[in-house]
């Protein structure tokens, strides 16, 4: 599959925020709120954080692309809300 970089909605800056209800994923083009009950897992690779969600595309966050906020705190808080972490967590 070839990614079409002419699609600004895919490559636009995006934000993730947590609330008591779930995760808000948004950009200038769209936004979605993911309830905590749909968040399956959080895993970390050396260069990415991966959030798997039931019935929605997996969120893959390149660590190099984070320009605001504390990544480690975000992941720690996120894991605290996800009920069943996997053995892949570090």
Protein backbone atom coordinates (compact mmCIF):
# COMPACT_ATOMS: atom_id res chain seq x y z
CA UNK A 1 0.00 0.00 0.00
CA UNK A 2 1.29 3.45 -0.89
CA UNK A 3 0.41 6.36 1.36
CA UNK A 4 -0.89 9.41 -0.44
CA UNK A 5 0.82 12.38 1.19
CA UNK A 6 -1.52 14.71 -0.66
CA UNK A 7 -4.22 13.87 1.92
CA UNK A 8 -3.73 16.60 4.53
CA UNK A 9 -6.29 15.05 6.89
CA UNK A 10 -3.93 12.10 7.39
CA UNK A 11 -0.75 14.12 7.90
CA UNK A 12 -2.16 17.14 9.75
CA UNK A 13 -1.04 17.77 13.33
CA UNK A 14 -3.17 15.74 15.73
CA UNK A 15 -3.78 15.78 19.45
CA UNK A 16 -4.68 13.23 22.08
CA UNK A 17 -6.18 14.16 25.42
CA UNK A 18 -7.51 12.05 28.28
CA UNK A 19 -10.59 12.67 30.36
CA UNK A 20 -12.63 10.62 32.79
CA UNK A 21 -14.73 9.44 29.81
CA UNK A 22 -11.93 8.34 27.47
CA UNK A 23 -9.46 9.61 24.90
CA UNK A 24 -10.16 12.56 22.61
CA UNK A 25 -8.31 12.23 19.29
CA UNK A 26 -8.59 15.32 17.09
CA UNK A 27 -7.16 17.36 14.25
CA UNK A 28 -8.35 20.40 12.34
CA UNK A 29 -10.31 18.02 10.08
CA UNK A 30 -12.07 15.69 12.53
CA UNK A 31 -12.33 14.48 16.08
CA UNK A 32 -13.43 11.36 17.90
CA UNK A 33 -13.91 10.44 21.54
CA UNK A 34 -12.95 6.87 22.41
CA UNK A 35 -14.59 5.56 25.60
CA UNK A 36 -12.23 3.78 27.99
CA UNK A 37 -14.18 0.55 27.55
CA UNK A 38 -12.98 0.45 23.91
CA UNK A 39 -9.28 0.95 24.64
CA UNK A 40 -7.70 -2.51 24.65
CA UNK A 41 -4.01 -1.99 25.24
CA UNK A 42 -1.04 0.34 25.33
CA UNK A 43 2.34 -0.89 24.14
CA UNK A 44 5.66 0.87 23.68
CA UNK A 45 8.39 0.31 21.18
CA UNK A 46 11.64 2.26 21.28
CA UNK A 47 10.31 4.81 18.78
CA UNK A 48 6.51 4.54 19.02
CA UNK A 49 3.61 4.18 21.43
CA UNK A 50 0.74 2.02 20.20
CA UNK A 51 -2.83 2.25 21.49
CA UNK A 52 -5.14 -0.52 20.33
CA UNK A 53 -8.85 0.23 20.23
CA UNK A 54 -11.83 -2.04 19.58
CA UNK A 55 -13.64 -1.20 16.35
CA UNK A 56 -11.33 1.68 15.42
CA UNK A 57 -7.93 2.09 13.81
CA UNK A 58 -4.95 1.54 16.09
CA UNK A 59 -3.36 4.80 17.22
CA UNK A 60 0.37 4.79 16.49
CA UNK A 61 2.25 7.70 18.01
CA UNK A 62 5.81 8.30 16.80
CA UNK A 63 7.69 9.59 19.84
CA UNK A 64 9.71 11.96 17.65
CA UNK A 65 6.51 13.73 16.59
CA UNK A 66 5.41 14.79 20.08
CA UNK A 67 5.79 18.54 20.33
CA UNK A 68 3.83 19.34 23.48
CA UNK A 69 3.22 17.55 26.76
CA UNK A 70 5.02 14.88 28.74
CA UNK A 71 5.00 11.60 26.81
CA UNK A 72 6.06 9.40 29.74
CA UNK A 73 3.39 10.85 32.03
CA UNK A 74 0.74 10.50 29.32
CA UNK A 75 1.62 6.80 28.81
CA UNK A 76 1.71 6.16 32.55
CA UNK A 77 -1.71 7.78 33.03
CA UNK A 78 -3.07 5.96 29.99
CA UNK A 79 -1.89 2.59 31.29
CA UNK A 80 -3.51 3.35 34.62
CA UNK A 81 -6.87 3.56 32.86
CA UNK A 82 -6.46 0.48 30.65
CA UNK A 83 -7.52 -2.55 32.63
CA UNK A 84 -5.43 -5.37 31.15
CA UNK A 85 -1.89 -4.49 30.08
CA UNK A 86 0.08 -7.01 28.05
CA UNK A 87 3.51 -8.50 28.63
CA UNK A 88 4.92 -6.15 25.97
CA UNK A 89 4.81 -3.19 28.36
CA UNK A 90 8.09 -1.94 29.73
